[in-house]
Each structure stands twice: as structure tokens, then as C-alpha cells.
PDB file of N, CA and C in Angstrom:
ATOM      1  N   MET A   1      86.137  88.193 105.375  1.00  0.00           N
ATOM      2  CA  MET A   1      87.600  88.073 104.676  1.00  0.00           C
ATOM      3  C   MET A   1      88.074  89.839 104.745  1.00  0.00           C
ATOM      4  N   ASP A   2      89.245  89.745 104.801  1.00  0.00           N
ATOM      5  CA  ASP A   2      90.222  91.258 104.759  1.00  0.00           C
ATOM      6  C   ASP A   2      90.121  91.763 103.739  1.00  0.00           C
ATOM      7  N   ASP A   3      90.512  93.173 103.628  1.00  0.00           N
ATOM      8  CA  ASP A   3      90.837  93.396 102.066  1.00  0.00           C
ATOM      9  C   ASP A   3      92.028  92.981 101.457  1.00  0.00           C
ATOM     10  N   ASP A   4      93.277  92.173 102.425  1.00  0.00           N
ATOM     11  CA  ASP A   4      94.617  91.646 101.803  1.00  0.00           C
ATOM     12  C   ASP A   4      93.925  90.165 101.504  1.00  0.00           C
ATOM     13  N   GLY A   5      92.615  89.904 101.667  1.00  0.00           N
ATOM     14  CA  GLY A   5      92.363  88.397 101.062  1.00  0.00           C
ATOM     15  C   GLY A   5      92.402  87.188 101.764  1.00  0.00           C
ATOM     16  N   LEU A   6      92.728  87.957 103.164  1.00  0.00           N
ATOM     17  CA  LEU A   6      93.014  86.736 104.181  1.00  0.00           C
ATOM     18  C   LEU A   6      91.563  86.402 105.108  1.00  0.00           C
ATOM     19  N   ILE A   7      91.268  85.336 105.774  1.00  0.00           N
ATOM     20  CA  ILE A   7      90.167  84.917 106.431  1.00  0.00           C
ATOM     21  C   ILE A   7      90.784  84.656 107.328  1.00  0.00           C
ATOM     22  N   LYS A   8      89.927  84.422 108.630  1.00  0.00           N
ATOM     23  CA  LYS A   8      90.058  83.669 109.923  1.00  0.00           C
ATOM     24  C   LYS A   8      89.033  82.146 109.495  1.00  0.00           C
ATOM     25  N   LYS A   9      89.726  81.330 110.461  1.00  0.00           N
ATOM     26  CA  LYS A   9      89.223  80.267 111.080  1.00  0.00           C
ATOM     27  C   LYS A   9      89.351  79.562 112.211  1.00  0.00           C
ATOM     28  N   THR A  10      88.393  79.100 112.954  1.00  0.00           N
ATOM     29  CA  THR A  10      88.596  78.510 114.187  1.00  0.00           C
ATOM     30  C   THR A  10      88.419  77.274 114.285  1.00  0.00           C
ATOM     31  N   TYR A  11      88.973  76.495 115.380  1.00  0.00           N
ATOM     32  CA  TYR A  11      89.350  74.821 115.023  1.00  0.00           C
ATOM     33  C   TYR A  11      88.647  74.606 116.500  1.00  0.00           C
ATOM     34  N   ARG A  12      88.358  73.103 116.614  1.00  0.00           N
ATOM     35  CA  ARG A  12      87.862  72.704 117.721  1.00  0.00           C
ATOM     36  C   ARG A  12      89.418  71.874 118.348  1.00  0.00           C
ATOM     37  N   PRO A  13      89.109  71.539 119.855  1.00  0.00           N
ATOM     38  CA  PRO A  13      90.533  71.077 120.254  1.00  0.00           C
ATOM     39  C   PRO A  13      90.261  69.884 119.798  1.00  0.00           C
ATOM     40  N   GLY A  14      91.551  69.432 119.026  1.00  0.00           N
ATOM     41  CA  GLY A  14      91.684  67.965 118.385  1.00  0.00           C
ATOM     42  C   GLY A  14      91.677  68.250 117.094  1.00  0.00           C
ATOM     43  N   GLU A  15      90.673  69.153 116.366  1.00  0.00           N
ATOM     44  CA  GLU A  15      90.407  69.218 114.950  1.00  0.00           C
ATOM     45  C   GLU A  15      91.832  69.537 114.356  1.00  0.00           C
ATOM     46  N   VAL A  16      91.645  68.720 113.010  1.00  0.00           N
ATOM     47  CA  VAL A  16      93.113  68.412 112.047  1.00  0.00           C
ATOM     48  C   VAL A  16      92.583  69.729 111.298  1.00  0.00           C
ATOM     49  N   ILE A  17      94.467  70.435 111.281  1.00  0.00           N
ATOM     50  CA  ILE A  17      94.216  71.467 110.422  1.00  0.00           C
ATOM     51  C   ILE A  17      94.843  70.801 108.935  1.00  0.00           C
ATOM     52  N   PHE A  18      95.563  70.233 109.287  1.00  0.00           N
ATOM     53  CA  PHE A  18      95.793  69.448 108.038  1.00  0.00           C
ATOM     54  C   PHE A  18      97.102  68.387 108.526  1.00  0.00           C
ATOM     55  N   ALA A  19      96.830  67.745 107.172  1.00  0.00           N
ATOM     56  CA  ALA A  19      97.788  66.372 107.569  1.00  0.00           C
ATOM     57  C   ALA A  19      98.703  65.744 107.227  1.00  0.00           C
ATOM     58  N   GLU A  20      99.644  65.111 107.672  1.00  0.00           N
ATOM     59  CA  GLU A  20     101.208  64.458 107.026  1.00  0.00           C
ATOM     60  C   GLU A  20     100.752  64.158 105.490  1.00  0.00           C
ATOM     61  N   GLY A  21     100.913  64.618 104.897  1.00  0.00           N
ATOM     62  CA  GLY A  21     101.210  63.789 103.135  1.00  0.00           C
ATOM     63  C   GLY A  21     100.201  65.027 102.139  1.00  0.00           C
ATOM     64  N   ASP A  22      99.524  65.455 103.064  1.00  0.00           N
ATOM     65  CA  ASP A  22      98.428  66.267 102.088  1.00  0.00           C
ATOM     66  C   ASP A  22      99.477  67.483 101.517  1.00  0.00           C
ATOM     67  N   SER A  23      98.622  68.068 100.162  1.00  0.00           N
ATOM     68  CA  SER A  23      99.407  68.888  99.622  1.00  0.00           C
ATOM     69  C   SER A  23      99.108  70.352 100.041  1.00  0.00           C
ATOM     70  N   GLY A  24     100.141  71.064 100.048  1.00  0.00           N
ATOM     71  CA  GLY A  24      99.643  72.488 100.819  1.00  0.00           C
ATOM     72  C   GLY A  24      99.289  73.830 100.071  1.00  0.00           C
ATOM     73  N   ASP A  25      98.117  74.050 100.562  1.00  0.00           N
ATOM     74  CA  ASP A  25      97.815  75.278  99.355  1.00  0.00           C
ATOM     75  C   ASP A  25      96.967  76.543 100.081  1.00  0.00           C
ATOM     76  N   GLU A  26      97.872  76.199 101.852  1.00  0.00           N
ATOM     77  CA  GLU A  26      97.570  77.270 102.833  1.00  0.00           C
ATOM     78  C   GLU A  26      98.664  77.469 103.810  1.00  0.00           C
ATOM     79  N   ALA A  27      99.032  78.320 104.440  1.00  0.00           N
ATOM     80  CA  ALA A  27      99.926  78.754 105.478  1.00  0.00           C
ATOM     81  C   ALA A  27      98.592  79.385 106.330  1.00  0.00           C
ATOM     82  N   TYR A  28      99.325  79.560 107.955  1.00  0.00           N
ATOM     83  CA  TYR A  28      98.588  79.883 108.890  1.00  0.00           C
ATOM     84  C   TYR A  28      99.637  80.570 109.883  1.00  0.00           C
ATOM     85  N   ILE A  29      98.796  82.034 110.357  1.00  0.00           N
ATOM     86  CA  ILE A  29      99.159  81.960 111.434  1.00  0.00           C
ATOM     87  C   ILE A  29      98.408  82.093 112.486  1.00  0.00           C
ATOM     88  N   VAL A  30      98.878  81.718 113.388  1.00  0.00           N
ATOM     89  CA  VAL A  30      97.891  81.059 115.305  1.00  0.00           C
ATOM     90  C   VAL A  30      97.738  82.270 115.607  1.00  0.00           C
ATOM     91  N   GLU A  31      96.377  82.852 115.577  1.00  0.00           N
ATOM     92  CA  GLU A  31      96.189  84.404 115.986  1.00  0.00           C
ATOM     93  C   GLU A  31      95.598  84.168 117.588  1.00  0.00           C
ATOM     94  N   ALA A  32      94.968  82.814 118.116  1.00  0.00           N
ATOM     95  CA  ALA A  32      94.551  82.333 119.189  1.00  0.00           C
ATOM     96  C   ALA A  32      94.440  81.191 119.506  1.00  0.00           C
ATOM     97  N   GLY A  33      95.108  80.488 120.842  1.00  0.00           N
ATOM     98  CA  GLY A  33      94.809  79.398 120.849  1.00  0.00           C
ATOM     99  C   GLY A  33      96.462  78.391 121.113  1.00  0.00           C
ATOM    100  N   ALA A  34      96.382  77.424 120.564  1.00  0.00           N
ATOM    101  CA  ALA A  34      97.218  76.738 120.115  1.00  0.00           C
ATOM    102  C   ALA A  34      97.318  75.175 118.972  1.00  0.00           C
ATOM    103  N   VAL A  35      98.639  75.046 118.399  1.00  0.00           N
ATOM    104  CA  VAL A  35      98.599  74.216 117.699  1.00  0.00           C
ATOM    105  C   VAL A  35      99.620  73.372 117.725  1.00  0.00           C
ATOM    106  N   GLU A  36      99.310  71.504 118.100  1.00  0.00           N
ATOM    107  CA  GLU A  36     100.227  70.579 117.945  1.00  0.00           C
ATOM    108  C   GLU A  36     100.346  70.090 116.617  1.00  0.00           C
ATOM    109  N   ILE A  37     101.968  69.891 116.311  1.00  0.00           N
ATOM    110  CA  ILE A  37     102.357  69.488 115.466  1.00  0.00           C
ATOM    111  C   ILE A  37     103.387  68.150 116.078  1.00  0.00           C
ATOM    112  N   SER A  38     102.655  67.133 115.198  1.00  0.00           N
ATOM    113  CA  SER A  38     102.951  66.018 115.444  1.00  0.00           C
ATOM    114  C   SER A  38     103.217  65.324 113.844  1.00  0.00           C
ATOM    115  N   LYS A  39     103.967  64.116 114.068  1.00  0.00           N
ATOM    116  CA  LYS A  39     104.835  63.247 113.253  1.00  0.00           C
ATOM    117  C   LYS A  39     104.487  62.037 113.070  1.00  0.00           C
ATOM    118  N   ARG A  40     104.016  61.075 112.115  1.00  0.00           N
ATOM    119  CA  ARG A  40     103.839  59.377 112.372  1.00  0.00           C
ATOM    120  C   ARG A  40     105.087  58.548 112.425  1.00  0.00           C
ATOM    121  N   THR A  41     105.124  57.471 113.306  1.00  0.00           N
ATOM    122  CA  THR A  41     106.200  56.716 113.156  1.00  0.00           C
ATOM    123  C   THR A  41     105.481  55.665 113.415  1.00  0.00           C
ATOM    124  N   ASP A  42     106.456  54.378 113.245  1.00  0.00           N
ATOM    125  CA  ASP A  42     105.887  52.939 113.327  1.00  0.00           C
ATOM    126  C   ASP A  42     104.822  52.622 114.061  1.00  0.00           C
ATOM    127  N   ASN A  43     105.096  53.375 115.524  1.00  0.00           N
ATOM    128  CA  ASN A  43     104.213  52.833 116.574  1.00  0.00           C
ATOM    129  C   ASN A  43     103.286  53.957 117.117  1.00  0.00           C
ATOM    130  N   ALA A  44     103.574  55.369 116.843  1.00  0.00           N
ATOM    131  CA  ALA A  44     102.731  55.858 117.509  1.00  0.00           C
ATOM    132  C   ALA A  44     102.761  57.204 116.740  1.00  0.00           C
ATOM    133  N   GLU A  45     102.343  58.376 117.500  1.00  0.00           N
ATOM    134  CA  GLU A  45     102.726  59.673 116.742  1.00  0.00           C
ATOM    135  C   GLU A  45     103.360  60.512 117.996  1.00  0.00           C
ATOM    136  N   LEU A  46     104.503  60.928 117.194  1.00  0.00           N
ATOM    137  CA  LEU A  46     105.418  61.839 117.915  1.00  0.00           C
ATOM    138  C   LEU A  46     104.968  63.533 117.677  1.00  0.00           C
ATOM    139  N   VAL A  47     105.055  64.512 119.103  1.00  0.00           N
ATOM    140  CA  VAL A  47     104.760  65.389 119.041  1.00  0.00           C
ATOM    141  C   VAL A  47     105.681  66.217 119.020  1.00  0.00           C
ATOM    142  N   LEU A  48     105.917  67.189 117.947  1.00  0.00           N
ATOM    143  CA  LEU A  48     107.276  67.683 117.525  1.00  0.00           C
ATOM    144  C   LEU A  48     107.187  69.189 118.447  1.00  0.00           C
ATOM    145  N   SER A  49     105.924  69.623 118.432  1.00  0.00           N
ATOM    146  CA  SER A  49     106.355  70.970 118.950  1.00  0.00           C
ATOM    147  C   SER A  49     104.469  71.539 119.079  1.00  0.00           C
ATOM    148  N   ILE A  50     104.325  72.642 119.930  1.00  0.00           N
ATOM    149  CA  ILE A  50     103.218  73.247 120.336  1.00  0.00           C
ATOM    150  C   ILE A  50     103.404  74.919 119.824  1.00  0.00           C
ATOM    151  N   LEU A  51     102.636  74.987 119.018  1.00  0.00           N
ATOM    152  CA  LEU A  51     103.137  76.465 118.575  1.00  0.00           C
ATOM    153  C   LEU A  51     101.554  77.495 118.964  1.00  0.00           C
ATOM    154  N   GLN A  52     102.233  78.512 119.438  1.00  0.00           N
ATOM    155  CA  GLN A  52     101.569  80.033 120.248  1.00  0.00           C
ATOM    156  C   GLN A  52     101.244  80.509 119.176  1.00  0.00           C
ATOM    157  N   PRO A  53     100.078  81.832 119.816  1.00  0.00           N
ATOM    158  CA  PRO A  53      99.696  82.518 118.811  1.00  0.00           C
ATOM    159  C   PRO A  53     101.272  83.649 118.466  1.00  0.00           C
ATOM    160  N   GLY A  54     101.275  84.141 117.222  1.00  0.00           N
ATOM    161  CA  GLY A  54     101.743  84.569 116.146  1.00  0.00           C
ATOM    162  C   GLY A  54     102.812  83.957 115.535  1.00  0.00           C
ATOM    163  N   GLN A  55     102.773  82.221 115.698  1.00  0.00           N
ATOM    164  CA  GLN A  55     103.735  81.482 115.024  1.00  0.00           C
ATOM    165  C   GLN A  55     102.959  81.527 113.788  1.00  0.00           C
ATOM    166  N   VAL A  56     103.924  80.937 112.802  1.00  0.00           N
ATOM    167  CA  VAL A  56     103.259  80.657 111.407  1.00  0.00           C
ATOM    168  C   VAL A  56     103.333  78.710 111.701  1.00  0.00           C
ATOM    169  N   ILE A  57     102.155  78.410 110.583  1.00  0.00           N
ATOM    170  CA  ILE A  57     102.497  76.826 110.181  1.00  0.00           C
ATOM    171  C   ILE A  57     102.165  76.409 108.822  1.00  0.00           C
ATOM    172  N   GLY A  58     102.498  75.773 108.015  1.00  0.00           N
ATOM    173  CA  GLY A  58     102.216  75.534 106.860  1.00  0.00           C
ATOM    174  C   GLY A  58     102.795  75.940 105.696  1.00  0.00           C
ATOM    175  N   GLU A  59     103.703  77.069 105.940  1.00  0.00           N
ATOM    176  CA  GLU A  59     104.718  77.855 105.099  1.00  0.00           C
ATOM    177  C   GLU A  59     105.661  77.162 104.088  1.00  0.00           C
ATOM    178  N   MET A  60     106.171  75.979 104.644  1.00  0.00           N
ATOM    179  CA  MET A  60     107.253  74.930 104.138  1.00  0.00           C
ATOM    180  C   MET A  60     106.271  74.732 102.878  1.00  0.00           C
ATOM    181  N   SER A  61     105.310  73.856 102.918  1.00  0.00           N
ATOM    182  CA  SER A  61     104.812  73.477 101.585  1.00  0.00           C
ATOM    183  C   SER A  61     104.450  74.257 100.921  1.00  0.00           C
ATOM    184  N   LEU A  62     103.780  75.672 100.958  1.00  0.00           N
ATOM    185  CA  LEU A  62     103.894  76.383  99.984  1.00  0.00           C
ATOM    186  C   LEU A  62     105.140  76.853  99.094  1.00  0.00           C
ATOM    187  N   ILE A  63     106.579  76.818  99.705  1.00  0.00           N
ATOM    188  CA  ILE A  63     107.506  77.349  99.533  1.00  0.00           C
ATOM    189  C   ILE A  63     108.088  76.538  98.811  1.00  0.00           C
ATOM    190  N   ASP A  64     108.112  75.331  98.988  1.00  0.00           N
ATOM    191  CA  ASP A  64     108.723  74.336  98.115  1.00  0.00           C
ATOM    192  C   ASP A  64     108.075  73.280  97.670  1.00  0.00           C
ATOM    193  N   GLU A  65     106.708  73.784  97.665  1.00  0.00           N
ATOM    194  CA  GLU A  65     105.879  72.498  96.710  1.00  0.00           C
ATOM    195  C   GLU A  65     105.935  70.841  96.857  1.00  0.00           C
ATOM    196  N   THR A  66     106.136  70.561  98.306  1.00  0.00           N
ATOM    197  CA  THR A  66     105.924  69.075  98.266  1.00  0.00           C
ATOM    198  C   THR A  66     104.914  68.903  99.928  1.00  0.00           C
ATOM    199  N   PRO A  67     104.588  67.856 100.113  1.00  0.00           N
ATOM    200  CA  PRO A  67     103.422  67.486 100.634  1.00  0.00           C
ATOM    201  C   PRO A  67     104.009  68.043 102.320  1.00  0.00           C
ATOM    202  N   ARG A  68     102.819  68.060 103.110  1.00  0.00           N
ATOM    203  CA  ARG A  68     103.039  68.479 104.599  1.00  0.00           C
ATOM    204  C   ARG A  68     103.646  67.273 105.040  1.00  0.00           C
ATOM    205  N   MET A  69     104.764  67.676 106.225  1.00  0.00           N
ATOM    206  CA  MET A  69     105.901  66.587 106.562  1.00  0.00           C
ATOM    207  C   MET A  69     105.196  66.444 107.815  1.00  0.00           C
ATOM    208  N   ALA A  70     103.942  67.082 108.310  1.00  0.00           N
ATOM    209  CA  ALA A  70     103.556  66.996 109.712  1.00  0.00           C
ATOM    210  C   ALA A  70     102.058  67.262 109.457  1.00  0.00           C
ATOM    211  N   THR A  71     101.613  66.917 110.967  1.00  0.00           N
ATOM    212  CA  THR A  71     100.191  66.694 111.205  1.00  0.00           C
ATOM    213  C   THR A  71      99.980  68.077 112.084  1.00  0.00           C
ATOM    214  N   ALA A  72      99.631  69.028 111.999  1.00  0.00           N
ATOM    215  CA  ALA A  72      98.817  70.338 112.718  1.00  0.00           C
ATOM    216  C   ALA A  72      97.473  70.123 113.141  1.00  0.00           C
ATOM    217  N   ARG A  73      97.473  70.097 114.545  1.00  0.00           N
ATOM    218  CA  ARG A  73      96.028  69.788 115.359  1.00  0.00           C
ATOM    219  C   ARG A  73      95.860  70.838 115.982  1.00  0.00           C
ATOM    220  N   ALA A  74      94.372  71.548 116.347  1.00  0.00           N
ATOM    221  CA  ALA A  74      94.491  72.282 117.281  1.00  0.00           C
ATOM    222  C   ALA A  74      94.499  71.721 118.610  1.00  0.00           C
ATOM    223  N   ALA A  75      95.344  72.357 119.474  1.00  0.00           N
ATOM    224  CA  ALA A  75      95.195  71.671 120.798  1.00  0.00           C
ATOM    225  C   ALA A  75      94.382  72.165 121.771  1.00  0.00           C
ATOM    226  N   LYS A  76      94.041  73.241 121.352  1.00  0.00           N
ATOM    227  CA  LYS A  76      92.708  73.964 122.257  1.00  0.00           C
ATOM    228  C   LYS A  76      92.133  74.946 121.358  1.00  0.00           C
ATOM    229  N   LYS A  77      90.798  75.359 121.618  1.00  0.00           N
ATOM    230  CA  LYS A  77      89.896  76.307 120.651  1.00  0.00           C
ATOM    231  C   LYS A  77      91.469  77.197 120.219  1.00  0.00           C
ATOM    232  N   THR A  78      91.444  77.036 118.887  1.00  0.00           N
ATOM    233  CA  THR A  78      92.338  78.156 118.367  1.00  0.00           C
ATOM    234  C   THR A  78      91.675  78.849 116.890  1.00  0.00           C
ATOM    235  N   THR A  79      92.611  79.988 116.725  1.00  0.00           N
ATOM    236  CA  THR A  79      91.698  80.642 115.824  1.00  0.00           C
ATOM    237  C   THR A  79      92.900  81.342 114.825  1.00  0.00           C
ATOM    238  N   LEU A  80      93.147  80.708 113.485  1.00  0.00           N
ATOM    239  CA  LEU A  80      94.182  80.944 112.526  1.00  0.00           C
ATOM    240  C   LEU A  80      93.960  81.994 111.692  1.00  0.00           C
ATOM    241  N   ILE A  81      94.819  82.958 110.999  1.00  0.00           N
ATOM    242  CA  ILE A  81      94.597  83.807 110.016  1.00  0.00           C
ATOM    243  C   ILE A  81      95.251  82.925 108.678  1.00  0.00           C
ATOM    244  N   VAL A  82      93.854  82.574 107.937  1.00  0.00           N
ATOM    245  CA  VAL A  82      94.553  81.454 106.875  1.00  0.00           C
ATOM    246  C   VAL A  82      95.407  82.693 105.422  1.00  0.00           C
ATOM    247  N   ILE A  83      96.059  82.129 104.765  1.00  0.00           N
ATOM    248  CA  ILE A  83      97.082  82.787 104.037  1.00  0.00           C
ATOM    249  C   ILE A  83      97.311  81.728 102.645  1.00  0.00           C
ATOM    250  N   PRO A  84      96.046  81.868 101.840  1.00  0.00           N
ATOM    251  CA  PRO A  84      95.821  81.199 100.769  1.00  0.00           C
ATOM    252  C   PRO A  84      97.316  81.476  99.614  1.00  0.00           C
ATOM    253  N   LYS A  85      97.545  80.322  98.909  1.00  0.00           N
ATOM    254  CA  LYS A  85      98.786  79.994  98.393  1.00  0.00           C
ATOM    255  C   LYS A  85      98.699  81.033  97.270  1.00  0.00           C
ATOM    256  N   HIS A  86      97.699  81.903  96.930  1.00  0.00           N
ATOM    257  CA  HIS A  86      97.829  83.044  95.958  1.00  0.00           C
ATOM    258  C   HIS A  86      98.173  83.861  96.364  1.00  0.00           C
ATOM    259  N   VAL A  87      97.884  84.321  97.602  1.00  0.00           N
ATOM    260  CA  VAL A  87      98.478  85.305  98.484  1.00  0.00           C
ATOM    261  C   VAL A  87      99.865  85.126  98.557  1.00  0.00           C
ATOM    262  N   PHE A  88     100.287  83.944  99.085  1.00  0.00           N
ATOM    263  CA  PHE A  88     101.317  83.500  99.557  1.00  0.00           C
ATOM    264  C   PHE A  88     102.529  83.823  98.153  1.00  0.00           C
ATOM    265  N   ASP A  89     102.050  83.425  97.178  1.00  0.00           N
ATOM    266  CA  ASP A  89     103.179  83.405  96.124  1.00  0.00           C
ATOM    267  C   ASP A  89     103.265  84.833  95.252  1.00  0.00           C
ATOM    268  N   LYS A  90     101.878  85.884  95.863  1.00  0.00           N
ATOM    269  CA  LYS A  90     102.056  87.270  95.870  1.00  0.00           C
ATOM    270  C   LYS A  90     103.486  87.897  95.962  1.00  0.00           C
ATOM    271  N   ILE A  91     103.326  87.373  97.508  1.00  0.00           N
ATOM    272  CA  ILE A  91     103.996  87.825  98.550  1.00  0.00           C
ATOM    273  C   ILE A  91     105.831  87.605  98.080  1.00  0.00           C
ATOM    274  N   LEU A  92     105.960  86.521  98.140  1.00  0.00           N
ATOM    275  CA  LEU A  92     107.075  85.533  97.952  1.00  0.00           C
ATOM    276  C   LEU A  92     107.686  85.557  96.572  1.00  0.00           C
ATOM    277  N   GLY A  93     106.767  86.602  95.233  1.00  0.00           N
ATOM    278  CA  GLY A  93     107.060  86.763  94.355  1.00  0.00           C
ATOM    279  C   GLY A  93     107.562  87.841  94.021  1.00  0.00           C
ATOM    280  N   LYS A  94     107.490  89.222  95.101  1.00  0.00           N
ATOM    281  CA  LYS A  94     108.566  90.446  95.038  1.00  0.00           C
ATOM    282  C   LYS A  94     109.976  89.880  95.846  1.00  0.00           C
ATOM    283  N   THR A  95     110.427  88.760  96.074  1.00  0.00           N
ATOM    284  CA  THR A  95     111.274  89.074  96.678  1.00  0.00           C
ATOM    285  C   THR A  95     112.181  88.296  96.094  1.00  0.00           C
ATOM    286  N   ASP A  96     113.519  88.859  96.197  1.00  0.00           N
ATOM    287  CA  ASP A  96     114.615  88.767  95.280  1.00  0.00           C
ATOM    288  C   ASP A  96     114.563  87.083  95.118  1.00  0.00           C
ATOM    289  N   ALA A  97     114.916  86.693  93.551  1.00  0.00           N
ATOM    290  CA  ALA A  97     115.496  85.499  93.090  1.00  0.00           C
ATOM    291  C   ALA A  97     116.280  84.657  94.235  1.00  0.00           C
ATOM    292  N   VAL A  98     117.414  85.484  94.262  1.00  0.00           N
ATOM    293  CA  VAL A  98     118.492  84.640  94.999  1.00  0.00           C
ATOM    294  C   VAL A  98     117.792  84.338  96.861  1.00  0.00           C
ATOM    295  N   VAL A  99     116.877  85.275  97.420  1.00  0.00           N
ATOM    296  CA  VAL A  99     116.628  84.752  98.623  1.00  0.00           C
ATOM    297  C   VAL A  99     115.518  83.906  98.669  1.00  0.00           C
ATOM    298  N   ARG A 100     114.909  83.523  97.485  1.00  0.00           N
ATOM    299  CA  ARG A 100     113.871  82.142  96.987  1.00  0.00           C
ATOM    300  C   ARG A 100     114.633  81.465  97.034  1.00  0.00           C
ATOM    301  N   VAL A 101     116.052  81.258  96.453  1.00  0.00           N
ATOM    302  CA  VAL A 101     116.890  79.999  95.891  1.00  0.00           C
ATOM    303  C   VAL A 101     117.464  79.414  97.402  1.00  0.00           C
ATOM    304  N   ILE A 102     117.688  80.692  98.234  1.00  0.00           N
ATOM    305  CA  ILE A 102     118.473  80.424  99.708  1.00  0.00           C
ATOM    306  C   ILE A 102     117.244  79.537 100.653  1.00  0.00           C
ATOM    307  N   LEU A 103     115.892  80.480 100.736  1.00  0.00           N
ATOM    308  CA  LEU A 103     114.822  79.357 101.482  1.00  0.00           C
ATOM    309  C   LEU A 103     114.696  78.380 101.043  1.00  0.00           C
ATOM    310  N   SER A 104     114.527  77.861  99.916  1.00  0.00           N
ATOM    311  CA  SER A 104     114.309  76.559  99.204  1.00  0.00           C
ATOM    312  C   SER A 104     115.563  75.402  99.404  1.00  0.00           C
ATOM    313  N   ALA A 105     116.580  76.119  99.745  1.00  0.00           N
ATOM    314  CA  ALA A 105     117.669  75.596 100.055  1.00  0.00           C
ATOM    315  C   ALA A 105     117.844  74.886 101.575  1.00  0.00           C
ATOM    316  N   LEU A 106     117.313  75.973 102.531  1.00  0.00           N
ATOM    317  CA  LEU A 106     117.067  75.650 103.704  1.00  0.00           C
ATOM    318  C   LEU A 106     116.044  75.030 103.929  1.00  0.00           C
ATOM    319  N   LEU A 107     115.029  75.052 103.351  1.00  0.00           N
ATOM    320  CA  LEU A 107     113.991  74.191 103.638  1.00  0.00           C
ATOM    321  C   LEU A 107     114.413  72.573 103.347  1.00  0.00           C
ATOM    322  N   GLY A 108     114.938  72.452 102.172  1.00  0.00           N
ATOM    323  CA  GLY A 108     115.296  71.255 102.277  1.00  0.00           C
ATOM    324  C   GLY A 108     116.201  70.420 103.319  1.00  0.00           C
ATOM    325  N   ARG A 109     116.937  71.363 103.640  1.00  0.00           N
ATOM    326  CA  ARG A 109     117.945  71.069 105.031  1.00  0.00           C
ATOM    327  C   ARG A 109     117.254  70.636 106.228  1.00  0.00           C
ATOM    328  N   LEU A 110     116.208  71.719 106.390  1.00  0.00           N
ATOM    329  CA  LEU A 110     115.308  71.275 107.628  1.00  0.00           C
ATOM    330  C   LEU A 110     114.121  70.171 107.270  1.00  0.00           C
ATOM    331  N   ARG A 111     114.115  69.762 106.311  1.00  0.00           N
ATOM    332  CA  ARG A 111     113.215  68.789 106.206  1.00  0.00           C
ATOM    333  C   ARG A 111     114.117  67.314 106.127  1.00  0.00           C
ATOM    334  N   ASN A 112     115.214  67.295 105.859  1.00  0.00           N
ATOM    335  CA  ASN A 112     116.445  66.463 105.855  1.00  0.00           C
ATOM    336  C   ASN A 112     116.357  65.818 107.626  1.00  0.00           C
ATOM    337  N   GLN A 113     116.660  67.170 108.072  1.00  0.00           N
ATOM    338  CA  GLN A 113     117.139  67.383 109.862  1.00  0.00           C
ATOM    339  C   GLN A 113     115.833  66.640 110.460  1.00  0.00           C
ATOM    340  N   SER A 114     114.832  67.227 109.717  1.00  0.00           N
ATOM    341  CA  SER A 114     113.465  66.813 110.805  1.00  0.00           C
ATOM    342  C   SER A 114     113.444  65.097 110.578  1.00  0.00           C
ATOM    343  N   GLN A 115     113.543  64.824 109.552  1.00  0.00           N
ATOM    344  CA  GLN A 115     113.080  63.311 109.294  1.00  0.00           C
ATOM    345  C   GLN A 115     114.307  62.467 110.232  1.00  0.00           C
ATOM    346  N   ALA A 116     115.782  62.784 109.676  1.00  0.00           N
ATOM    347  CA  ALA A 116     116.834  62.357 110.621  1.00  0.00           C
ATOM    348  C   ALA A 116     116.298  62.025 112.419  1.00  0.00           C
ATOM    349  N   ASN A 117     116.134  63.471 112.689  1.00  0.00           N
ATOM    350  CA  ASN A 117     115.502  63.694 114.114  1.00  0.00           C
ATOM    351  C   ASN A 117     114.622  62.678 114.637  1.00  0.00           C
ATOM    352  N   VAL A 118     113.565  62.131 113.493  1.00  0.00           N
ATOM    353  CA  VAL A 118     112.453  61.624 113.841  1.00  0.00           C
ATOM    354  C   VAL A 118     113.374  60.206 113.957  1.00  0.00           C
ATOM    355  N   LYS A 119     113.788  59.904 113.456  1.00  0.00           N
ATOM    356  CA  LYS A 119     114.336  58.216 113.400  1.00  0.00           C
ATOM    357  C   LYS A 119     115.418  57.990 114.173  1.00  0.00           C
ATOM    358  N   ASN A 120     115.954  59.288 114.822  1.00  0.00           N
ATOM    359  CA  ASN A 120     116.758  58.901 115.927  1.00  0.00           C
ATOM    360  C   ASN A 120     115.671  59.106 117.144  1.00  0.00           C
ATOM    361  N   THR A 121     114.784  59.282 117.246  1.00  0.00           N
ATOM    362  CA  THR A 121     113.875  59.231 118.380  1.00  0.00           C
ATOM    363  C   THR A 121     113.428  57.684 118.802  1.00  0.00           C
ATOM    364  N   LEU A 122     113.236  57.292 117.587  1.00  0.00           N
ATOM    365  CA  LEU A 122     112.463  55.660 117.454  1.00  0.00           C
ATOM    366  C   LEU A 122     113.067  54.788 118.420  1.00  0.00           C
TER     367      LEU A 122
END
């Protein structure tokens, strides 16, 4: 564990980091490896993106406190920096209230757009 309360976790290829529908209590920064983001459809699992080192995953659920909208799985051996909810909340709490409202509105739009895009690909 770092002085700032962050830890690192390593995942094997194919290992699930979090599943669609889970509650979110951590966000992650991809330090090494790659993370596949996918969403269930009626007949299959649709890969939405592959995230590389330096990218963040899982932050949406921490901001708007809604269930995970997709599954994150290690695409290869992957090391993540874990940002627990209490650390994230402390950082977000230092942000102006107007910025927090804007973030929540943007996330709502993003979630709605993502749902529409998945439906359109079926």
C-alpha cells in the first residue's frame, strides 16, 4: 500500500476485475497490460473497448453510485492501481459542487448513449 492509500492488484488473462451489474466500490488505473470492457447482449458478449496503461476504469460507478454498466476483464496479465471509494470520495469532495453536478449529468448522458449504441448494434 502506498502512502496515499492506494494498492496494486495483478490479474491473470481472462480474469474478471468487475462484472456488469456489480456495485462499484473501487476505480482503477491500468498500470500495465490491457483491460477488455464488454457488455452482455441477448445472444453474446459485445466488446466495447480495450483499455491500455494510463487509462482509468470503474470511475463512473463511484461518481453516480449506479451499478457497473459493463464487465472489465484482463486481456492479458494486467496490473491495476486500485482507487478505493473512500479515497475517490475524498478527492471528489475537494471539487467544486458545480463540477460534481456537471460530472453527474455527463455520466447520465454517457450511460444513456452507451445503452442506445449497444441496442443499435444488435
